[in-house]
């Protein structure tokens, strides 16, 4: 993991957050900071070069409170601001809406610490972190507010088509880069361009576009 990777924990539970920050730094080397919920607006809107995962502690919050707190400020297409939700109630059923809004991952209450560390590491590296059930349901098209564009309406280049198929197969950006003998940053640039052309915001939606159109 890059030494410049940063995790910002937004929480009112300072002591528990400090313990979590210490654990994550020890386990996966991520640099952690802690801030109160009043800093959420400013932190999401910050413009920094290094990637930052904003981990919002949702303890005790209803789905309405979560979405009203985040509003439309999640930078779903940003390359440097990844928002994830921590301590979400399992009965809240917010994963589909979280994907739609650009949230990179959802961590439920009482999650195993080792699994949490794996998920944080994945998000810091630009991946998504959702339950298997959510992934399957989303790819089956159970939740999509607007129609996806038809293939003829999407001017993808040959290289973009190649990368799109690899993204849809679940390959991470680093492996795609190795197979195509290009840099990971170049792959990420291609993926961002693909997302814009397809009008999608993440790998799930891109994979479902492929399953419907190719």
N, C-alpha and C. Protein backbone atom coordinates (compact mmCIF):
# COMPACT_ATOMS: atom_id res chain seq x y z
N UNK A 1 0.84 -1.20 0.00
CA UNK A 1 0.00 0.00 0.00
C UNK A 1 0.87 1.24 0.00
N UNK A 2 0.41 2.23 -0.71
CA UNK A 2 1.18 3.47 -0.80
C UNK A 2 1.27 4.16 0.55
N UNK A 3 2.45 4.73 0.84
CA UNK A 3 2.64 5.44 2.10
C UNK A 3 1.79 6.71 2.16
N UNK A 4 1.35 7.20 0.99
CA UNK A 4 0.57 8.43 0.97
C UNK A 4 -0.92 8.18 1.19
N UNK A 5 -1.33 6.90 1.21
CA UNK A 5 -2.73 6.58 1.43
C UNK A 5 -3.16 7.10 2.79
N UNK A 6 -4.39 7.58 2.87
CA UNK A 6 -4.87 8.23 4.08
C UNK A 6 -6.29 7.79 4.37
N UNK A 7 -6.58 7.57 5.62
CA UNK A 7 -7.94 7.21 6.06
C UNK A 7 -8.39 8.25 7.07
N UNK A 8 -9.53 8.86 6.80
CA UNK A 8 -10.11 9.84 7.70
C UNK A 8 -11.36 9.24 8.32
N UNK A 9 -11.34 9.01 9.62
CA UNK A 9 -12.49 8.45 10.33
C UNK A 9 -13.34 9.58 10.87
N UNK A 10 -14.59 9.65 10.42
CA UNK A 10 -15.53 10.66 10.90
C UNK A 10 -16.41 10.02 11.96
N UNK A 11 -16.25 10.44 13.22
CA UNK A 11 -16.96 9.76 14.30
C UNK A 11 -17.01 10.63 15.55
N UNK A 12 -18.05 10.39 16.35
CA UNK A 12 -18.14 11.03 17.67
C UNK A 12 -17.51 10.14 18.74
N UNK A 13 -17.18 8.90 18.38
CA UNK A 13 -16.63 7.95 19.34
C UNK A 13 -15.10 7.98 19.26
N UNK A 14 -14.54 8.93 19.94
CA UNK A 14 -13.11 9.20 19.80
C UNK A 14 -12.25 8.01 20.25
N UNK A 15 -12.56 7.45 21.40
CA UNK A 15 -11.72 6.37 21.93
C UNK A 15 -11.74 5.16 21.01
N UNK A 16 -12.96 4.72 20.60
CA UNK A 16 -13.06 3.57 19.71
C UNK A 16 -12.39 3.85 18.38
N UNK A 17 -12.50 5.08 17.91
CA UNK A 17 -11.88 5.43 16.63
C UNK A 17 -10.37 5.40 16.71
N UNK A 18 -9.83 5.83 17.85
CA UNK A 18 -8.37 5.78 18.02
C UNK A 18 -7.88 4.34 18.03
N UNK A 19 -8.64 3.46 18.67
CA UNK A 19 -8.26 2.04 18.68
C UNK A 19 -8.31 1.48 17.26
N UNK A 20 -9.35 1.84 16.52
CA UNK A 20 -9.48 1.37 15.14
C UNK A 20 -8.34 1.92 14.28
N UNK A 21 -8.02 3.19 14.44
CA UNK A 21 -6.94 3.81 13.67
C UNK A 21 -5.61 3.10 13.95
N UNK A 22 -5.35 2.81 15.22
CA UNK A 22 -4.11 2.13 15.59
C UNK A 22 -4.07 0.73 14.97
N UNK A 23 -5.19 0.03 15.00
CA UNK A 23 -5.24 -1.33 14.45
C UNK A 23 -5.00 -1.32 12.94
N UNK A 24 -5.68 -0.42 12.24
CA UNK A 24 -5.54 -0.37 10.78
C UNK A 24 -4.13 0.04 10.35
N UNK A 25 -3.54 0.95 11.11
CA UNK A 25 -2.16 1.35 10.79
C UNK A 25 -1.21 0.18 10.99
N UNK A 26 -1.44 -0.58 12.04
CA UNK A 26 -0.57 -1.73 12.33
C UNK A 26 -0.76 -2.85 11.31
N UNK A 27 -2.02 -3.10 10.91
CA UNK A 27 -2.32 -4.24 10.05
C UNK A 27 -2.04 -3.98 8.58
N UNK A 28 -2.40 -2.80 8.07
CA UNK A 28 -2.28 -2.56 6.63
C UNK A 28 -1.48 -1.30 6.29
N UNK A 29 -0.95 -0.62 7.33
CA UNK A 29 -0.06 0.51 7.10
C UNK A 29 -0.73 1.79 6.67
N UNK A 30 -2.06 1.85 6.75
CA UNK A 30 -2.74 3.06 6.33
C UNK A 30 -2.58 4.15 7.39
N UNK A 31 -2.39 5.38 6.95
CA UNK A 31 -2.27 6.51 7.85
C UNK A 31 -3.66 7.02 8.19
N UNK A 32 -3.97 7.13 9.47
CA UNK A 32 -5.33 7.45 9.90
C UNK A 32 -5.39 8.79 10.64
N UNK A 33 -6.51 9.48 10.43
CA UNK A 33 -6.84 10.66 11.22
C UNK A 33 -8.29 10.54 11.67
N UNK A 34 -8.64 11.29 12.70
CA UNK A 34 -9.99 11.25 13.24
C UNK A 34 -10.54 12.67 13.27
N UNK A 35 -11.80 12.81 12.87
CA UNK A 35 -12.43 14.13 12.85
C UNK A 35 -13.89 13.99 13.26
N UNK A 36 -14.49 15.04 13.81
CA UNK A 36 -15.90 15.00 14.20
C UNK A 36 -16.81 15.11 12.98
N UNK A 37 -18.10 14.73 13.12
CA UNK A 37 -19.05 14.82 12.00
C UNK A 37 -19.18 16.23 11.43
N UNK A 38 -18.91 17.25 12.22
CA UNK A 38 -19.00 18.62 11.72
C UNK A 38 -17.99 18.90 10.62
N UNK A 39 -16.96 18.05 10.52
CA UNK A 39 -15.93 18.22 9.48
C UNK A 39 -16.28 17.49 8.18
N UNK A 40 -17.40 16.76 8.16
CA UNK A 40 -17.71 15.91 7.01
C UNK A 40 -17.80 16.70 5.72
N UNK A 41 -18.52 17.83 5.74
CA UNK A 41 -18.68 18.65 4.54
C UNK A 41 -17.34 19.07 3.96
N UNK A 42 -16.50 19.65 4.81
CA UNK A 42 -15.23 20.18 4.34
C UNK A 42 -14.30 19.07 3.85
N UNK A 43 -14.31 17.94 4.55
CA UNK A 43 -13.39 16.87 4.20
C UNK A 43 -13.75 16.24 2.86
N UNK A 44 -15.05 16.06 2.60
CA UNK A 44 -15.46 15.48 1.33
C UNK A 44 -15.08 16.40 0.18
N UNK A 45 -15.17 17.70 0.41
CA UNK A 45 -14.89 18.65 -0.65
C UNK A 45 -13.44 19.02 -0.82
N UNK A 46 -12.56 18.50 0.01
CA UNK A 46 -11.14 18.85 -0.08
C UNK A 46 -10.55 18.41 -1.42
N UNK A 47 -9.56 19.14 -1.88
CA UNK A 47 -8.87 18.80 -3.11
C UNK A 47 -7.42 18.48 -2.77
N UNK A 48 -7.11 17.19 -2.71
CA UNK A 48 -5.75 16.77 -2.37
C UNK A 48 -5.25 15.78 -3.41
N UNK A 49 -3.95 15.70 -3.54
CA UNK A 49 -3.37 14.83 -4.56
C UNK A 49 -3.43 13.36 -4.14
N UNK A 50 -3.21 13.09 -2.85
CA UNK A 50 -3.16 11.70 -2.43
C UNK A 50 -4.57 11.16 -2.17
N UNK A 51 -4.75 9.83 -2.37
CA UNK A 51 -6.08 9.24 -2.15
C UNK A 51 -6.47 9.29 -0.68
N UNK A 52 -7.71 9.58 -0.42
CA UNK A 52 -8.22 9.62 0.95
C UNK A 52 -9.53 8.85 1.02
N UNK A 53 -9.61 7.93 1.95
CA UNK A 53 -10.86 7.23 2.23
C UNK A 53 -11.51 7.90 3.43
N UNK A 54 -12.72 8.38 3.23
CA UNK A 54 -13.48 8.98 4.31
C UNK A 54 -14.41 7.91 4.87
N UNK A 55 -14.13 7.45 6.08
CA UNK A 55 -14.89 6.38 6.72
C UNK A 55 -15.84 7.01 7.72
N UNK A 56 -17.13 7.04 7.39
CA UNK A 56 -18.11 7.70 8.23
C UNK A 56 -18.78 6.70 9.16
N UNK A 57 -18.62 6.92 10.45
CA UNK A 57 -19.23 6.06 11.47
C UNK A 57 -20.72 6.37 11.55
N UNK A 58 -21.55 5.39 11.17
CA UNK A 58 -23.01 5.59 11.12
C UNK A 58 -23.73 4.98 12.32
N UNK A 59 -23.01 4.78 13.42
CA UNK A 59 -23.61 4.19 14.61
C UNK A 59 -24.86 4.96 15.04
N UNK A 60 -25.98 4.24 15.16
CA UNK A 60 -27.21 4.85 15.63
C UNK A 60 -27.96 5.67 14.60
N UNK A 61 -27.47 5.73 13.36
CA UNK A 61 -28.12 6.55 12.34
C UNK A 61 -29.09 5.71 11.50
N UNK A 62 -30.25 6.24 11.21
CA UNK A 62 -31.18 5.62 10.30
C UNK A 62 -30.73 5.87 8.87
N UNK A 63 -31.23 5.10 7.90
CA UNK A 63 -30.87 5.38 6.50
C UNK A 63 -31.17 6.82 6.09
N UNK A 64 -32.31 7.37 6.54
CA UNK A 64 -32.64 8.76 6.19
C UNK A 64 -31.59 9.72 6.74
N UNK A 65 -31.13 9.44 7.96
CA UNK A 65 -30.11 10.30 8.56
C UNK A 65 -28.78 10.19 7.82
N UNK A 66 -28.46 8.99 7.36
CA UNK A 66 -27.22 8.79 6.61
C UNK A 66 -27.25 9.58 5.32
N UNK A 67 -28.35 9.47 4.56
CA UNK A 67 -28.40 10.14 3.26
C UNK A 67 -28.56 11.64 3.39
N UNK A 68 -29.29 12.07 4.42
CA UNK A 68 -29.39 13.51 4.61
C UNK A 68 -28.06 14.09 5.05
N UNK A 69 -27.27 13.30 5.78
CA UNK A 69 -25.95 13.76 6.20
C UNK A 69 -24.98 13.87 5.05
N UNK A 70 -25.05 12.91 4.11
CA UNK A 70 -24.15 12.92 2.96
C UNK A 70 -24.68 13.77 1.82
N UNK A 71 -26.01 13.80 1.67
CA UNK A 71 -26.60 14.55 0.57
C UNK A 71 -26.08 14.05 -0.76
N UNK A 72 -25.77 14.97 -1.66
CA UNK A 72 -25.23 14.63 -2.97
C UNK A 72 -23.75 14.98 -3.07
N UNK A 73 -23.08 14.98 -1.93
CA UNK A 73 -21.71 15.48 -1.91
C UNK A 73 -20.67 14.39 -2.14
N UNK A 74 -21.10 13.15 -2.29
CA UNK A 74 -20.13 12.07 -2.48
C UNK A 74 -19.53 12.18 -3.88
N UNK A 75 -18.21 12.30 -3.97
CA UNK A 75 -17.57 12.44 -5.28
C UNK A 75 -17.38 11.09 -5.95
N UNK A 76 -18.47 10.54 -6.51
CA UNK A 76 -18.44 9.17 -7.01
C UNK A 76 -17.45 8.96 -8.15
N UNK A 77 -17.14 10.02 -8.90
CA UNK A 77 -16.20 9.87 -10.01
C UNK A 77 -14.84 10.47 -9.69
N UNK A 78 -14.64 10.88 -8.46
CA UNK A 78 -13.36 11.46 -8.08
C UNK A 78 -12.30 10.38 -7.96
N UNK A 79 -11.07 10.70 -8.37
CA UNK A 79 -10.01 9.72 -8.25
C UNK A 79 -9.36 9.73 -6.89
N UNK A 80 -9.65 10.72 -6.04
CA UNK A 80 -8.92 10.88 -4.79
C UNK A 80 -9.79 10.95 -3.54
N UNK A 81 -11.09 10.84 -3.68
CA UNK A 81 -11.97 10.89 -2.51
C UNK A 81 -12.92 9.72 -2.55
N UNK A 82 -12.70 8.75 -1.65
CA UNK A 82 -13.53 7.56 -1.58
C UNK A 82 -14.29 7.57 -0.25
N UNK A 83 -15.61 7.50 -0.31
CA UNK A 83 -16.42 7.51 0.90
C UNK A 83 -16.93 6.11 1.20
N UNK A 84 -16.81 5.69 2.47
CA UNK A 84 -17.33 4.39 2.90
C UNK A 84 -18.10 4.59 4.20
N UNK A 85 -19.02 3.67 4.47
CA UNK A 85 -19.87 3.76 5.66
C UNK A 85 -19.50 2.66 6.65
N UNK A 86 -19.38 3.03 7.91
CA UNK A 86 -19.00 2.09 8.97
C UNK A 86 -20.14 1.96 9.97
N UNK A 87 -20.29 0.74 10.54
CA UNK A 87 -21.29 0.46 11.57
C UNK A 87 -22.71 0.73 11.10
N UNK A 88 -22.99 0.26 9.88
CA UNK A 88 -24.34 0.35 9.33
C UNK A 88 -25.17 -0.82 9.86
N UNK A 89 -26.43 -0.57 10.21
CA UNK A 89 -27.31 -1.63 10.68
C UNK A 89 -27.61 -2.63 9.58
N UNK A 90 -27.55 -3.93 9.88
CA UNK A 90 -27.76 -4.95 8.86
C UNK A 90 -29.18 -4.95 8.32
N UNK A 91 -30.11 -4.46 9.09
CA UNK A 91 -31.51 -4.44 8.65
C UNK A 91 -31.88 -3.18 7.89
N UNK A 92 -30.91 -2.31 7.64
CA UNK A 92 -31.21 -1.03 6.99
C UNK A 92 -31.36 -1.15 5.47
N UNK A 93 -30.74 -2.20 4.87
CA UNK A 93 -30.87 -2.47 3.44
C UNK A 93 -30.54 -1.24 2.60
N UNK A 94 -29.34 -0.73 2.78
CA UNK A 94 -28.99 0.51 2.07
C UNK A 94 -27.92 0.29 1.00
N UNK A 95 -27.52 -0.94 0.74
CA UNK A 95 -26.40 -1.16 -0.17
C UNK A 95 -26.68 -0.69 -1.60
N UNK A 96 -27.86 -0.99 -2.14
CA UNK A 96 -28.18 -0.54 -3.49
C UNK A 96 -28.10 0.99 -3.58
N UNK A 97 -28.70 1.65 -2.60
CA UNK A 97 -28.69 3.11 -2.62
C UNK A 97 -27.26 3.64 -2.44
N UNK A 98 -26.47 2.94 -1.63
CA UNK A 98 -25.08 3.35 -1.43
C UNK A 98 -24.30 3.27 -2.74
N UNK A 99 -24.49 2.19 -3.50
CA UNK A 99 -23.83 2.07 -4.80
C UNK A 99 -24.28 3.18 -5.72
N UNK A 100 -25.58 3.44 -5.76
CA UNK A 100 -26.11 4.47 -6.66
C UNK A 100 -25.52 5.83 -6.35
N UNK A 101 -25.28 6.10 -5.06
CA UNK A 101 -24.78 7.41 -4.65
C UNK A 101 -23.26 7.52 -4.73
N UNK A 102 -22.59 6.45 -5.09
CA UNK A 102 -21.14 6.52 -5.24
C UNK A 102 -20.35 6.13 -4.02
N UNK A 103 -21.00 5.59 -2.99
CA UNK A 103 -20.28 5.10 -1.80
C UNK A 103 -19.44 3.89 -2.21
N UNK A 104 -18.20 3.85 -1.80
CA UNK A 104 -17.28 2.79 -2.23
C UNK A 104 -17.41 1.50 -1.43
N UNK A 105 -18.02 1.57 -0.25
CA UNK A 105 -18.15 0.34 0.53
C UNK A 105 -19.03 0.55 1.74
N UNK A 106 -19.62 -0.55 2.23
CA UNK A 106 -20.47 -0.52 3.42
C UNK A 106 -19.97 -1.59 4.39
N UNK A 107 -19.69 -1.18 5.62
CA UNK A 107 -19.24 -2.09 6.67
C UNK A 107 -20.32 -2.14 7.75
N UNK A 108 -20.87 -3.33 7.98
CA UNK A 108 -21.97 -3.47 8.93
C UNK A 108 -21.48 -3.53 10.37
N UNK A 109 -22.42 -3.36 11.27
CA UNK A 109 -22.10 -3.43 12.71
C UNK A 109 -21.49 -4.78 13.04
N UNK A 110 -20.55 -4.77 13.98
CA UNK A 110 -19.92 -5.99 14.51
C UNK A 110 -19.15 -6.77 13.44
N UNK A 111 -18.65 -6.08 12.42
CA UNK A 111 -17.85 -6.75 11.41
C UNK A 111 -16.54 -7.23 12.01
N UNK A 112 -16.06 -8.36 11.55
CA UNK A 112 -14.76 -8.88 12.00
C UNK A 112 -13.67 -7.87 11.63
N UNK A 113 -12.77 -7.61 12.57
CA UNK A 113 -11.75 -6.58 12.35
C UNK A 113 -10.83 -6.92 11.18
N UNK A 114 -10.54 -8.22 11.01
CA UNK A 114 -9.70 -8.61 9.88
C UNK A 114 -10.38 -8.33 8.55
N UNK A 115 -11.67 -8.60 8.49
CA UNK A 115 -12.43 -8.33 7.27
C UNK A 115 -12.53 -6.82 7.03
N UNK A 116 -12.69 -6.06 8.09
CA UNK A 116 -12.73 -4.60 7.96
C UNK A 116 -11.41 -4.08 7.38
N UNK A 117 -10.30 -4.59 7.87
CA UNK A 117 -9.00 -4.16 7.37
C UNK A 117 -8.85 -4.48 5.89
N UNK A 118 -9.29 -5.66 5.48
CA UNK A 118 -9.23 -6.04 4.06
C UNK A 118 -10.07 -5.10 3.22
N UNK A 119 -11.26 -4.77 3.73
CA UNK A 119 -12.14 -3.89 2.98
C UNK A 119 -11.57 -2.49 2.84
N UNK A 120 -11.01 -1.96 3.92
CA UNK A 120 -10.41 -0.62 3.88
C UNK A 120 -9.26 -0.61 2.88
N UNK A 121 -8.44 -1.64 2.91
CA UNK A 121 -7.31 -1.71 1.99
C UNK A 121 -7.79 -1.73 0.54
N UNK A 122 -8.86 -2.48 0.28
CA UNK A 122 -9.41 -2.55 -1.08
C UNK A 122 -9.90 -1.18 -1.54
N UNK A 123 -10.59 -0.46 -0.67
CA UNK A 123 -11.14 0.85 -1.04
C UNK A 123 -10.02 1.86 -1.26
N UNK A 124 -9.01 1.84 -0.38
CA UNK A 124 -7.87 2.73 -0.56
C UNK A 124 -7.21 2.50 -1.92
N UNK A 125 -7.24 1.26 -2.38
CA UNK A 125 -6.64 0.92 -3.67
C UNK A 125 -7.61 1.10 -4.84
N UNK A 126 -8.75 1.75 -4.57
CA UNK A 126 -9.66 2.10 -5.65
C UNK A 126 -10.72 1.08 -5.96
N UNK A 127 -10.85 0.03 -5.14
CA UNK A 127 -11.85 -1.00 -5.38
C UNK A 127 -13.13 -0.71 -4.60
N UNK A 128 -14.14 -1.57 -4.78
CA UNK A 128 -15.39 -1.48 -4.05
C UNK A 128 -15.46 -2.57 -3.00
N UNK A 129 -16.31 -2.38 -1.98
CA UNK A 129 -16.45 -3.38 -0.93
C UNK A 129 -17.94 -3.50 -0.56
N UNK A 130 -18.57 -4.54 -1.11
CA UNK A 130 -19.98 -4.82 -0.83
C UNK A 130 -20.18 -6.32 -0.64
N UNK A 131 -21.31 -6.68 -0.07
CA UNK A 131 -21.61 -8.08 0.17
C UNK A 131 -21.81 -8.82 -1.15
N UNK A 132 -21.55 -10.12 -1.12
CA UNK A 132 -21.73 -10.94 -2.32
C UNK A 132 -23.18 -10.88 -2.81
N UNK A 133 -24.11 -10.91 -1.86
CA UNK A 133 -25.53 -10.87 -2.23
C UNK A 133 -25.87 -9.58 -2.98
N UNK A 134 -25.31 -8.48 -2.52
CA UNK A 134 -25.55 -7.20 -3.17
C UNK A 134 -24.96 -7.18 -4.57
N UNK A 135 -23.75 -7.72 -4.72
CA UNK A 135 -23.10 -7.75 -6.02
C UNK A 135 -23.94 -8.54 -7.02
N UNK A 136 -24.38 -9.73 -6.61
CA UNK A 136 -25.17 -10.58 -7.51
C UNK A 136 -26.47 -9.88 -7.90
N UNK A 137 -27.18 -9.34 -6.92
CA UNK A 137 -28.46 -8.68 -7.19
C UNK A 137 -28.27 -7.47 -8.10
N UNK A 138 -27.21 -6.71 -7.85
CA UNK A 138 -26.98 -5.51 -8.66
C UNK A 138 -26.65 -5.88 -10.10
N UNK A 139 -25.83 -6.91 -10.28
CA UNK A 139 -25.47 -7.34 -11.62
C UNK A 139 -26.66 -7.93 -12.36
N UNK A 140 -27.63 -8.45 -11.62
CA UNK A 140 -28.84 -8.99 -12.24
C UNK A 140 -29.82 -7.89 -12.63
N UNK A 141 -29.48 -6.65 -12.28
CA UNK A 141 -30.29 -5.53 -12.72
C UNK A 141 -31.49 -5.24 -11.86
N UNK A 142 -31.42 -5.56 -10.58
CA UNK A 142 -32.57 -5.36 -9.71
C UNK A 142 -32.73 -3.91 -9.26
N UNK A 143 -31.71 -3.08 -9.52
CA UNK A 143 -31.83 -1.69 -9.07
C UNK A 143 -31.05 -0.79 -10.00
N UNK A 144 -31.75 -0.09 -10.85
CA UNK A 144 -31.12 0.87 -11.74
C UNK A 144 -32.14 1.94 -12.08
N UNK A 145 -31.97 3.21 -11.65
CA UNK A 145 -32.98 4.22 -11.80
C UNK A 145 -33.17 4.73 -13.23
N UNK A 146 -32.15 4.57 -14.11
CA UNK A 146 -32.29 5.06 -15.47
C UNK A 146 -31.74 4.03 -16.44
N UNK A 147 -32.21 4.01 -17.69
CA UNK A 147 -31.76 3.01 -18.65
C UNK A 147 -30.29 3.20 -18.99
N UNK A 148 -29.63 2.10 -19.26
CA UNK A 148 -28.23 2.16 -19.68
C UNK A 148 -28.16 2.45 -21.17
N UNK A 149 -27.12 3.13 -21.64
CA UNK A 149 -27.02 3.46 -23.06
C UNK A 149 -26.80 2.22 -23.91
N UNK A 150 -27.30 2.26 -25.13
CA UNK A 150 -27.11 1.14 -26.05
C UNK A 150 -25.67 1.15 -26.56
N UNK A 151 -25.15 -0.03 -26.98
CA UNK A 151 -23.75 -0.10 -27.42
C UNK A 151 -23.42 0.86 -28.54
N UNK A 152 -24.34 1.02 -29.52
CA UNK A 152 -24.05 1.89 -30.65
C UNK A 152 -23.92 3.36 -30.26
N UNK A 153 -24.45 3.69 -29.09
CA UNK A 153 -24.41 5.08 -28.64
C UNK A 153 -23.16 5.39 -27.83
N UNK A 154 -22.31 4.40 -27.62
CA UNK A 154 -21.13 4.56 -26.75
C UNK A 154 -19.86 4.43 -27.60
N UNK A 155 -19.16 5.54 -27.84
CA UNK A 155 -17.97 5.50 -28.71
C UNK A 155 -16.71 5.07 -27.96
N UNK A 156 -16.67 3.82 -27.53
CA UNK A 156 -15.49 3.31 -26.85
C UNK A 156 -14.40 2.99 -27.86
N UNK A 157 -13.15 3.27 -27.51
CA UNK A 157 -12.03 2.88 -28.35
C UNK A 157 -11.77 1.38 -28.20
N UNK A 158 -10.93 0.84 -29.07
CA UNK A 158 -10.60 -0.59 -28.98
C UNK A 158 -9.95 -0.90 -27.64
N UNK A 159 -9.04 -0.03 -27.19
CA UNK A 159 -8.39 -0.25 -25.91
C UNK A 159 -9.40 -0.18 -24.77
N UNK A 160 -10.32 0.78 -24.83
CA UNK A 160 -11.33 0.91 -23.77
C UNK A 160 -12.24 -0.31 -23.73
N UNK A 161 -12.62 -0.83 -24.91
CA UNK A 161 -13.43 -2.05 -24.94
C UNK A 161 -12.69 -3.22 -24.30
N UNK A 162 -11.40 -3.32 -24.58
CA UNK A 162 -10.58 -4.38 -24.02
C UNK A 162 -10.54 -4.28 -22.49
N UNK A 163 -10.30 -3.07 -22.00
CA UNK A 163 -10.23 -2.85 -20.56
C UNK A 163 -11.59 -3.06 -19.92
N UNK A 164 -12.66 -2.63 -20.59
CA UNK A 164 -14.01 -2.81 -20.04
C UNK A 164 -14.31 -4.28 -19.80
N UNK A 165 -13.94 -5.13 -20.74
CA UNK A 165 -14.19 -6.56 -20.57
C UNK A 165 -13.40 -7.13 -19.40
N UNK A 166 -12.20 -6.64 -19.20
CA UNK A 166 -11.41 -7.11 -18.07
C UNK A 166 -11.98 -6.60 -16.75
N UNK A 167 -12.46 -5.36 -16.74
CA UNK A 167 -13.12 -4.82 -15.55
C UNK A 167 -14.35 -5.65 -15.21
N UNK A 168 -15.14 -5.98 -16.25
CA UNK A 168 -16.37 -6.75 -16.04
C UNK A 168 -16.09 -8.15 -15.53
N UNK A 169 -14.90 -8.68 -15.85
CA UNK A 169 -14.55 -10.02 -15.38
C UNK A 169 -14.03 -10.01 -13.95
N UNK A 170 -13.89 -8.80 -13.38
CA UNK A 170 -13.50 -8.68 -11.98
C UNK A 170 -12.03 -8.46 -11.74
N UNK A 171 -11.24 -8.25 -12.78
CA UNK A 171 -9.80 -8.04 -12.59
C UNK A 171 -9.53 -6.67 -11.97
N UNK A 172 -8.65 -6.57 -10.98
CA UNK A 172 -8.27 -5.28 -10.41
C UNK A 172 -7.42 -4.49 -11.39
N UNK A 173 -7.32 -3.20 -11.18
CA UNK A 173 -6.58 -2.33 -12.09
C UNK A 173 -5.12 -2.75 -12.22
N UNK A 174 -4.52 -3.19 -11.11
CA UNK A 174 -3.10 -3.57 -11.15
C UNK A 174 -2.87 -4.77 -12.06
N UNK A 175 -3.78 -5.75 -12.03
CA UNK A 175 -3.63 -6.93 -12.88
C UNK A 175 -3.88 -6.59 -14.35
N UNK A 176 -4.86 -5.73 -14.60
CA UNK A 176 -5.10 -5.28 -15.97
C UNK A 176 -3.85 -4.59 -16.52
N UNK A 177 -3.24 -3.75 -15.69
CA UNK A 177 -2.02 -3.05 -16.11
C UNK A 177 -0.91 -4.04 -16.46
N UNK A 178 -0.74 -5.06 -15.63
CA UNK A 178 0.30 -6.06 -15.89
C UNK A 178 0.04 -6.80 -17.20
N UNK A 179 -1.21 -7.15 -17.45
CA UNK A 179 -1.53 -7.91 -18.66
C UNK A 179 -1.39 -7.08 -19.93
N UNK A 180 -1.63 -5.77 -19.82
CA UNK A 180 -1.56 -4.91 -21.00
C UNK A 180 -0.23 -4.16 -21.10
N UNK A 181 0.67 -4.38 -20.13
CA UNK A 181 1.99 -3.75 -20.11
C UNK A 181 1.89 -2.23 -20.11
N UNK A 182 0.97 -1.73 -19.30
CA UNK A 182 0.82 -0.28 -19.11
C UNK A 182 0.78 -0.01 -17.62
N UNK A 183 0.83 1.25 -17.23
CA UNK A 183 0.84 1.59 -15.81
C UNK A 183 -0.56 1.49 -15.23
N UNK A 184 -0.62 1.30 -13.91
CA UNK A 184 -1.91 1.26 -13.22
C UNK A 184 -2.64 2.58 -13.35
N UNK A 185 -1.91 3.69 -13.32
CA UNK A 185 -2.55 5.00 -13.48
C UNK A 185 -3.19 5.15 -14.86
N UNK A 186 -2.54 4.59 -15.89
CA UNK A 186 -3.12 4.63 -17.22
C UNK A 186 -4.41 3.83 -17.28
N UNK A 187 -4.41 2.67 -16.63
CA UNK A 187 -5.62 1.86 -16.58
C UNK A 187 -6.75 2.62 -15.88
N UNK A 188 -6.42 3.28 -14.77
CA UNK A 188 -7.44 4.02 -14.03
C UNK A 188 -8.00 5.18 -14.86
N UNK A 189 -7.13 5.81 -15.65
CA UNK A 189 -7.60 6.88 -16.53
C UNK A 189 -8.57 6.34 -17.57
N UNK A 190 -8.22 5.19 -18.16
CA UNK A 190 -9.12 4.56 -19.13
C UNK A 190 -10.47 4.22 -18.48
N UNK A 191 -10.41 3.69 -17.26
CA UNK A 191 -11.64 3.29 -16.57
C UNK A 191 -12.52 4.50 -16.30
N UNK A 192 -11.92 5.60 -15.87
CA UNK A 192 -12.71 6.82 -15.64
C UNK A 192 -13.38 7.29 -16.93
N UNK A 193 -12.65 7.22 -18.05
CA UNK A 193 -13.23 7.62 -19.33
C UNK A 193 -14.36 6.68 -19.74
N UNK A 194 -14.17 5.40 -19.48
CA UNK A 194 -15.22 4.41 -19.79
C UNK A 194 -16.47 4.70 -18.98
N UNK A 195 -16.30 4.96 -17.69
CA UNK A 195 -17.45 5.25 -16.83
C UNK A 195 -18.24 6.44 -17.36
N UNK A 196 -17.53 7.47 -17.77
CA UNK A 196 -18.21 8.67 -18.28
C UNK A 196 -18.99 8.36 -19.55
N UNK A 197 -18.40 7.57 -20.44
CA UNK A 197 -19.07 7.24 -21.70
C UNK A 197 -20.29 6.34 -21.48
N UNK A 198 -20.20 5.44 -20.50
CA UNK A 198 -21.31 4.53 -20.23
C UNK A 198 -22.34 5.14 -19.28
N UNK A 199 -21.98 6.28 -18.68
CA UNK A 199 -22.84 6.91 -17.66
C UNK A 199 -23.04 5.97 -16.48
N UNK A 200 -21.94 5.36 -16.02
CA UNK A 200 -21.97 4.52 -14.84
C UNK A 200 -20.96 5.08 -13.84
N UNK A 201 -21.03 4.59 -12.61
CA UNK A 201 -20.17 5.15 -11.57
C UNK A 201 -19.23 4.14 -10.93
N UNK A 202 -19.37 2.84 -11.25
CA UNK A 202 -18.52 1.86 -10.59
C UNK A 202 -18.45 0.57 -11.41
N UNK A 203 -17.65 -0.37 -10.92
CA UNK A 203 -17.41 -1.61 -11.64
C UNK A 203 -18.66 -2.47 -11.76
N UNK A 204 -19.52 -2.44 -10.75
CA UNK A 204 -20.74 -3.24 -10.81
C UNK A 204 -21.60 -2.81 -11.99
N UNK A 205 -21.81 -1.50 -12.12
CA UNK A 205 -22.64 -0.99 -13.19
C UNK A 205 -21.99 -1.25 -14.56
N UNK A 206 -20.68 -1.11 -14.63
CA UNK A 206 -19.97 -1.38 -15.88
C UNK A 206 -20.11 -2.85 -16.27
N UNK A 207 -19.98 -3.74 -15.28
CA UNK A 207 -20.11 -5.17 -15.55
C UNK A 207 -21.52 -5.52 -16.00
N UNK A 208 -22.50 -4.87 -15.41
CA UNK A 208 -23.88 -5.15 -15.80
C UNK A 208 -24.16 -4.61 -17.21
N UNK A 209 -23.55 -3.49 -17.56
CA UNK A 209 -23.68 -2.98 -18.93
C UNK A 209 -23.15 -3.99 -19.93
N UNK A 210 -22.01 -4.59 -19.59
CA UNK A 210 -21.42 -5.60 -20.47
C UNK A 210 -22.34 -6.81 -20.59
N UNK A 211 -22.90 -7.25 -19.44
CA UNK A 211 -23.75 -8.44 -19.46
C UNK A 211 -25.02 -8.21 -20.28
N UNK A 212 -25.47 -6.96 -20.39
CA UNK A 212 -26.70 -6.65 -21.13
C UNK A 212 -26.45 -6.33 -22.60
N UNK A 213 -25.24 -5.88 -22.91
CA UNK A 213 -25.03 -5.32 -24.24
C UNK A 213 -23.97 -6.01 -25.08
N UNK A 214 -23.16 -6.83 -24.48
CA UNK A 214 -22.07 -7.46 -25.25
C UNK A 214 -22.19 -8.98 -25.18
